Amino acid sequence: MSAREELIVKYAADLKDKCGVTPDMDLLTKVTIGCGPSIYNKDSATVAGSQQSELDTVKNNFLIKKLGLADGPNLDAGIDAVIEKYGRSNANKYRAVIYYLLTVHFKKESVYN
């Protein structure tokens, strides 16, 4: 099993155990691949849910640039809802899991087809 496949299994477990979501493995794989090499770096593999600069990066680089959403208060509300679902007290919020949840939240799975 490759390092990426091992991470995808870990992300799927987080989605199921911490978020109560049964992941679409095909979509999770595509979202993980879309994260690029950041998933292998300890710092960039996770999202600091309490750091505004980190949340702004998620909004600008993922929601606006990748998913093509228009900026607005609904983006911040979506990020907030996903962080809440993942668990604010959960120290390791994996970027791929956050991106997966945001993709589903905003119904933008078509971006990965």
N, C-alpha and C. Protein backbone atom coordinates (compact mmCIF):
# COMPACT_ATOMS: atom_id res chain seq x y z
N MET A 1 0.85 -1.19 0.00
CA MET A 1 0.00 0.00 0.00
C MET A 1 0.89 1.24 0.00
N SER A 2 0.60 2.18 -0.89
CA SER A 2 1.41 3.40 -0.98
C SER A 2 1.11 4.33 0.19
N ALA A 3 1.98 5.30 0.38
CA ALA A 3 1.79 6.27 1.46
C ALA A 3 0.46 7.01 1.28
N ARG A 4 0.13 7.36 0.03
CA ARG A 4 -1.13 8.07 -0.22
C ARG A 4 -2.32 7.18 0.13
N GLU A 5 -2.27 5.91 -0.25
CA GLU A 5 -3.37 4.99 0.07
C GLU A 5 -3.55 4.84 1.57
N GLU A 6 -2.43 4.80 2.31
CA GLU A 6 -2.50 4.70 3.77
C GLU A 6 -3.17 5.95 4.35
N LEU A 7 -2.84 7.12 3.81
CA LEU A 7 -3.45 8.36 4.29
C LEU A 7 -4.95 8.39 3.98
N ILE A 8 -5.33 7.91 2.81
CA ILE A 8 -6.75 7.89 2.43
C ILE A 8 -7.53 7.00 3.39
N VAL A 9 -6.96 5.88 3.79
CA VAL A 9 -7.61 4.99 4.77
C VAL A 9 -7.75 5.74 6.10
N LYS A 10 -6.72 6.49 6.50
CA LYS A 10 -6.77 7.26 7.75
C LYS A 10 -7.85 8.35 7.67
N TYR A 11 -7.95 9.03 6.51
CA TYR A 11 -8.95 10.08 6.33
C TYR A 11 -10.37 9.49 6.37
N ALA A 12 -10.53 8.33 5.74
CA ALA A 12 -11.85 7.67 5.73
C ALA A 12 -12.26 7.31 7.16
N ALA A 13 -11.30 6.85 7.96
CA ALA A 13 -11.59 6.51 9.36
C ALA A 13 -12.00 7.76 10.14
N ASP A 14 -11.31 8.89 9.89
CA ASP A 14 -11.67 10.15 10.56
C ASP A 14 -13.08 10.58 10.17
N LEU A 15 -13.40 10.47 8.89
CA LEU A 15 -14.75 10.86 8.44
C LEU A 15 -15.81 10.02 9.13
N LYS A 16 -15.55 8.73 9.24
CA LYS A 16 -16.52 7.82 9.83
C LYS A 16 -16.60 7.99 11.36
N ASP A 17 -15.44 7.98 12.02
CA ASP A 17 -15.39 7.98 13.48
C ASP A 17 -15.64 9.35 14.10
N LYS A 18 -15.09 10.40 13.51
CA LYS A 18 -15.18 11.72 14.12
C LYS A 18 -16.30 12.59 13.55
N CYS A 19 -16.69 12.30 12.31
CA CYS A 19 -17.70 13.15 11.65
C CYS A 19 -19.02 12.43 11.43
N GLY A 20 -19.03 11.13 11.63
CA GLY A 20 -20.25 10.36 11.42
C GLY A 20 -20.67 10.29 9.96
N VAL A 21 -19.68 10.34 9.06
CA VAL A 21 -19.94 10.36 7.62
C VAL A 21 -19.35 9.10 7.00
N THR A 22 -20.13 8.43 6.16
CA THR A 22 -19.59 7.32 5.38
C THR A 22 -19.08 7.92 4.07
N PRO A 23 -17.76 7.94 3.89
CA PRO A 23 -17.21 8.65 2.73
C PRO A 23 -17.41 7.93 1.40
N ASP A 24 -17.56 8.73 0.36
CA ASP A 24 -17.51 8.25 -1.02
C ASP A 24 -16.01 8.12 -1.31
N MET A 25 -15.52 6.89 -1.34
CA MET A 25 -14.07 6.67 -1.44
C MET A 25 -13.48 7.23 -2.73
N ASP A 26 -14.24 7.19 -3.82
CA ASP A 26 -13.76 7.75 -5.07
C ASP A 26 -13.55 9.26 -4.94
N LEU A 27 -14.53 9.95 -4.36
CA LEU A 27 -14.40 11.39 -4.15
C LEU A 27 -13.28 11.71 -3.17
N LEU A 28 -13.20 10.95 -2.07
CA LEU A 28 -12.14 11.18 -1.09
C LEU A 28 -10.76 11.02 -1.73
N THR A 29 -10.61 10.02 -2.58
CA THR A 29 -9.34 9.81 -3.27
C THR A 29 -9.01 11.01 -4.17
N LYS A 30 -10.00 11.49 -4.91
CA LYS A 30 -9.78 12.64 -5.80
C LYS A 30 -9.45 13.92 -5.03
N VAL A 31 -10.15 14.13 -3.91
CA VAL A 31 -9.87 15.31 -3.08
C VAL A 31 -8.45 15.21 -2.51
N THR A 32 -8.08 14.02 -2.05
CA THR A 32 -6.74 13.81 -1.49
C THR A 32 -5.67 14.07 -2.54
N ILE A 33 -5.85 13.55 -3.74
CA ILE A 33 -4.90 13.79 -4.83
C ILE A 33 -4.82 15.29 -5.13
N GLY A 34 -5.98 15.97 -5.08
CA GLY A 34 -6.03 17.40 -5.33
C GLY A 34 -5.27 18.22 -4.30
N CYS A 35 -5.06 17.68 -3.12
CA CYS A 35 -4.30 18.39 -2.08
C CYS A 35 -2.80 18.42 -2.42
N GLY A 36 -2.39 17.54 -3.32
CA GLY A 36 -0.99 17.52 -3.73
C GLY A 36 -0.06 17.08 -2.62
N PRO A 37 1.19 17.55 -2.68
CA PRO A 37 2.19 17.09 -1.71
C PRO A 37 1.96 17.59 -0.28
N SER A 38 1.01 18.51 -0.09
CA SER A 38 0.78 19.04 1.26
C SER A 38 0.38 17.95 2.25
N ILE A 39 -0.22 16.86 1.77
CA ILE A 39 -0.67 15.80 2.69
C ILE A 39 0.50 15.05 3.34
N TYR A 40 1.70 15.18 2.79
CA TYR A 40 2.85 14.47 3.33
C TYR A 40 3.64 15.32 4.33
N ASN A 41 3.30 16.60 4.45
CA ASN A 41 4.00 17.51 5.35
C ASN A 41 3.18 17.65 6.62
N LYS A 42 3.79 17.38 7.77
CA LYS A 42 3.06 17.38 9.05
C LYS A 42 2.30 18.68 9.28
N ASP A 43 2.91 19.81 8.96
CA ASP A 43 2.27 21.11 9.20
C ASP A 43 1.14 21.39 8.21
N SER A 44 1.39 21.17 6.94
CA SER A 44 0.38 21.52 5.93
C SER A 44 -0.70 20.44 5.77
N ALA A 45 -0.49 19.27 6.34
CA ALA A 45 -1.47 18.18 6.22
C ALA A 45 -2.70 18.43 7.09
N THR A 46 -2.57 19.34 8.07
CA THR A 46 -3.68 19.63 8.96
C THR A 46 -4.10 21.09 8.85
N VAL A 47 -5.31 21.37 9.30
CA VAL A 47 -5.85 22.73 9.30
C VAL A 47 -6.05 23.14 10.76
N ALA A 48 -5.49 24.30 11.12
CA ALA A 48 -5.69 24.84 12.46
C ALA A 48 -7.03 25.56 12.48
N GLY A 49 -8.04 24.90 13.02
CA GLY A 49 -9.41 25.42 12.97
C GLY A 49 -9.64 26.69 13.76
N SER A 50 -8.71 27.03 14.65
CA SER A 50 -8.89 28.23 15.46
C SER A 50 -8.04 29.40 14.95
N GLN A 51 -7.29 29.19 13.88
CA GLN A 51 -6.42 30.24 13.33
C GLN A 51 -7.09 30.88 12.12
N GLN A 52 -7.42 32.17 12.24
CA GLN A 52 -8.14 32.86 11.16
C GLN A 52 -7.35 32.84 9.86
N SER A 53 -6.03 33.00 9.92
CA SER A 53 -5.22 33.01 8.69
C SER A 53 -5.33 31.67 7.97
N GLU A 54 -5.39 30.60 8.73
CA GLU A 54 -5.53 29.26 8.15
C GLU A 54 -6.90 29.09 7.49
N LEU A 55 -7.93 29.57 8.16
CA LEU A 55 -9.29 29.47 7.62
C LEU A 55 -9.44 30.35 6.37
N ASP A 56 -8.75 31.49 6.35
CA ASP A 56 -8.77 32.36 5.16
C ASP A 56 -8.11 31.65 3.98
N THR A 57 -7.04 30.90 4.25
CA THR A 57 -6.36 30.14 3.20
C THR A 57 -7.30 29.08 2.62
N VAL A 58 -8.01 28.38 3.51
CA VAL A 58 -8.98 27.37 3.06
C VAL A 58 -10.02 28.03 2.17
N LYS A 59 -10.53 29.17 2.62
CA LYS A 59 -11.57 29.87 1.87
C LYS A 59 -11.07 30.34 0.51
N ASN A 60 -9.93 31.02 0.50
CA ASN A 60 -9.42 31.60 -0.76
C ASN A 60 -8.86 30.56 -1.72
N ASN A 61 -8.03 29.65 -1.22
CA ASN A 61 -7.36 28.70 -2.10
C ASN A 61 -8.21 27.51 -2.48
N PHE A 62 -9.13 27.11 -1.60
CA PHE A 62 -9.93 25.94 -1.92
C PHE A 62 -11.34 26.32 -2.38
N LEU A 63 -12.08 27.01 -1.54
CA LEU A 63 -13.48 27.29 -1.89
C LEU A 63 -13.61 28.22 -3.10
N ILE A 64 -12.80 29.27 -3.14
CA ILE A 64 -12.93 30.24 -4.23
C ILE A 64 -12.17 29.79 -5.48
N LYS A 65 -10.88 29.45 -5.32
CA LYS A 65 -10.07 29.09 -6.49
C LYS A 65 -10.38 27.70 -7.02
N LYS A 66 -10.46 26.70 -6.14
CA LYS A 66 -10.64 25.32 -6.61
C LYS A 66 -12.11 25.00 -6.92
N LEU A 67 -13.01 25.33 -5.98
CA LEU A 67 -14.42 24.98 -6.19
C LEU A 67 -15.17 26.05 -6.99
N GLY A 68 -14.57 27.23 -7.16
CA GLY A 68 -15.19 28.27 -7.98
C GLY A 68 -16.37 28.96 -7.33
N LEU A 69 -16.39 29.00 -6.00
CA LEU A 69 -17.49 29.65 -5.28
C LEU A 69 -17.24 31.15 -5.16
N ALA A 70 -18.31 31.93 -5.14
CA ALA A 70 -18.19 33.37 -4.96
C ALA A 70 -18.01 33.67 -3.47
N ASP A 71 -17.14 34.63 -3.17
CA ASP A 71 -16.89 35.01 -1.78
C ASP A 71 -18.16 35.57 -1.15
N GLY A 72 -18.35 35.25 0.09
CA GLY A 72 -19.52 35.75 0.81
C GLY A 72 -19.58 35.11 2.18
N PRO A 73 -20.50 35.58 3.01
CA PRO A 73 -20.61 35.05 4.38
C PRO A 73 -20.97 33.56 4.41
N ASN A 74 -21.58 33.06 3.33
CA ASN A 74 -21.93 31.64 3.30
C ASN A 74 -20.69 30.74 3.31
N LEU A 75 -19.56 31.24 2.78
CA LEU A 75 -18.33 30.44 2.79
C LEU A 75 -17.80 30.29 4.21
N ASP A 76 -17.78 31.41 4.96
CA ASP A 76 -17.34 31.34 6.35
C ASP A 76 -18.28 30.44 7.17
N ALA A 77 -19.57 30.54 6.90
CA ALA A 77 -20.55 29.71 7.60
C ALA A 77 -20.33 28.23 7.28
N GLY A 78 -20.01 27.93 6.02
CA GLY A 78 -19.73 26.54 5.62
C GLY A 78 -18.49 26.00 6.30
N ILE A 79 -17.43 26.81 6.33
CA ILE A 79 -16.20 26.39 7.01
C ILE A 79 -16.49 26.14 8.49
N ASP A 80 -17.23 27.05 9.10
CA ASP A 80 -17.57 26.93 10.52
C ASP A 80 -18.37 25.64 10.77
N ALA A 81 -19.32 25.35 9.90
CA ALA A 81 -20.14 24.14 10.05
C ALA A 81 -19.28 22.87 9.94
N VAL A 82 -18.32 22.88 9.01
CA VAL A 82 -17.45 21.72 8.81
C VAL A 82 -16.51 21.54 10.01
N ILE A 83 -15.94 22.64 10.52
CA ILE A 83 -15.06 22.57 11.69
C ILE A 83 -15.86 22.03 12.89
N GLU A 84 -17.09 22.49 13.03
CA GLU A 84 -17.96 22.03 14.12
C GLU A 84 -18.24 20.53 13.98
N LYS A 85 -18.51 20.09 12.76
CA LYS A 85 -18.80 18.67 12.50
C LYS A 85 -17.59 17.80 12.81
N TYR A 86 -16.39 18.29 12.45
CA TYR A 86 -15.15 17.55 12.67
C TYR A 86 -14.83 17.51 14.17
N GLY A 87 -15.25 18.54 14.88
CA GLY A 87 -15.00 18.65 16.32
C GLY A 87 -13.94 19.69 16.60
N ARG A 88 -14.35 20.81 17.18
CA ARG A 88 -13.41 21.90 17.47
C ARG A 88 -12.27 21.45 18.37
N SER A 89 -12.54 20.54 19.29
CA SER A 89 -11.51 20.10 20.24
C SER A 89 -10.56 19.07 19.62
N ASN A 90 -10.90 18.56 18.45
CA ASN A 90 -10.05 17.59 17.76
C ASN A 90 -8.78 18.30 17.27
N ALA A 91 -7.63 17.92 17.81
CA ALA A 91 -6.38 18.61 17.51
C ALA A 91 -5.94 18.44 16.05
N ASN A 92 -6.10 17.24 15.50
CA ASN A 92 -5.65 16.99 14.12
C ASN A 92 -6.82 16.99 13.16
N LYS A 93 -7.02 18.11 12.51
CA LYS A 93 -8.05 18.20 11.49
C LYS A 93 -7.33 18.10 10.15
N TYR A 94 -7.45 16.95 9.51
CA TYR A 94 -6.73 16.74 8.26
C TYR A 94 -7.31 17.58 7.13
N ARG A 95 -6.42 18.21 6.38
CA ARG A 95 -6.82 19.08 5.28
C ARG A 95 -7.71 18.35 4.28
N ALA A 96 -7.34 17.13 3.92
CA ALA A 96 -8.13 16.37 2.94
C ALA A 96 -9.54 16.10 3.46
N VAL A 97 -9.68 15.86 4.76
CA VAL A 97 -11.00 15.61 5.35
C VAL A 97 -11.82 16.89 5.33
N ILE A 98 -11.20 18.00 5.70
CA ILE A 98 -11.89 19.32 5.68
C ILE A 98 -12.34 19.62 4.25
N TYR A 99 -11.44 19.42 3.28
CA TYR A 99 -11.78 19.71 1.89
C TYR A 99 -12.90 18.79 1.39
N TYR A 100 -12.85 17.53 1.79
CA TYR A 100 -13.91 16.58 1.40
C TYR A 100 -15.25 17.07 1.95
N LEU A 101 -15.27 17.40 3.25
CA LEU A 101 -16.52 17.84 3.89
C LEU A 101 -17.04 19.13 3.25
N LEU A 102 -16.13 20.04 2.91
CA LEU A 102 -16.54 21.29 2.25
C LEU A 102 -17.10 21.03 0.85
N THR A 103 -16.47 20.11 0.13
CA THR A 103 -16.94 19.76 -1.22
C THR A 103 -18.37 19.24 -1.15
N VAL A 104 -18.63 18.36 -0.19
CA VAL A 104 -19.97 17.79 -0.03
C VAL A 104 -20.94 18.86 0.48
N HIS A 105 -20.48 19.68 1.45
CA HIS A 105 -21.33 20.72 2.03
C HIS A 105 -21.86 21.68 0.96
N PHE A 106 -20.96 22.09 0.04
CA PHE A 106 -21.34 23.03 -1.00
C PHE A 106 -21.82 22.35 -2.28
N LYS A 107 -21.98 21.01 -2.22
CA LYS A 107 -22.47 20.22 -3.36
C LYS A 107 -21.67 20.49 -4.63
N LYS A 108 -20.34 20.44 -4.51
CA LYS A 108 -19.45 20.72 -5.63
C LYS A 108 -18.65 19.47 -6.04
N GLU A 109 -19.25 18.29 -5.81
CA GLU A 109 -18.57 17.05 -6.19
C GLU A 109 -18.24 17.03 -7.68
N SER A 110 -19.02 17.73 -8.48
CA SER A 110 -18.81 17.75 -9.94
C SER A 110 -17.44 18.31 -10.32
N VAL A 111 -16.84 19.12 -9.44
CA VAL A 111 -15.50 19.66 -9.70
C VAL A 111 -14.50 18.53 -9.88
N TYR A 112 -14.73 17.41 -9.20
CA TYR A 112 -13.78 16.28 -9.23
C TYR A 112 -14.16 15.21 -10.25
N ASN A 113 -15.18 15.42 -11.04
CA ASN A 113 -15.57 14.41 -12.05
C ASN A 113 -14.87 14.64 -13.37
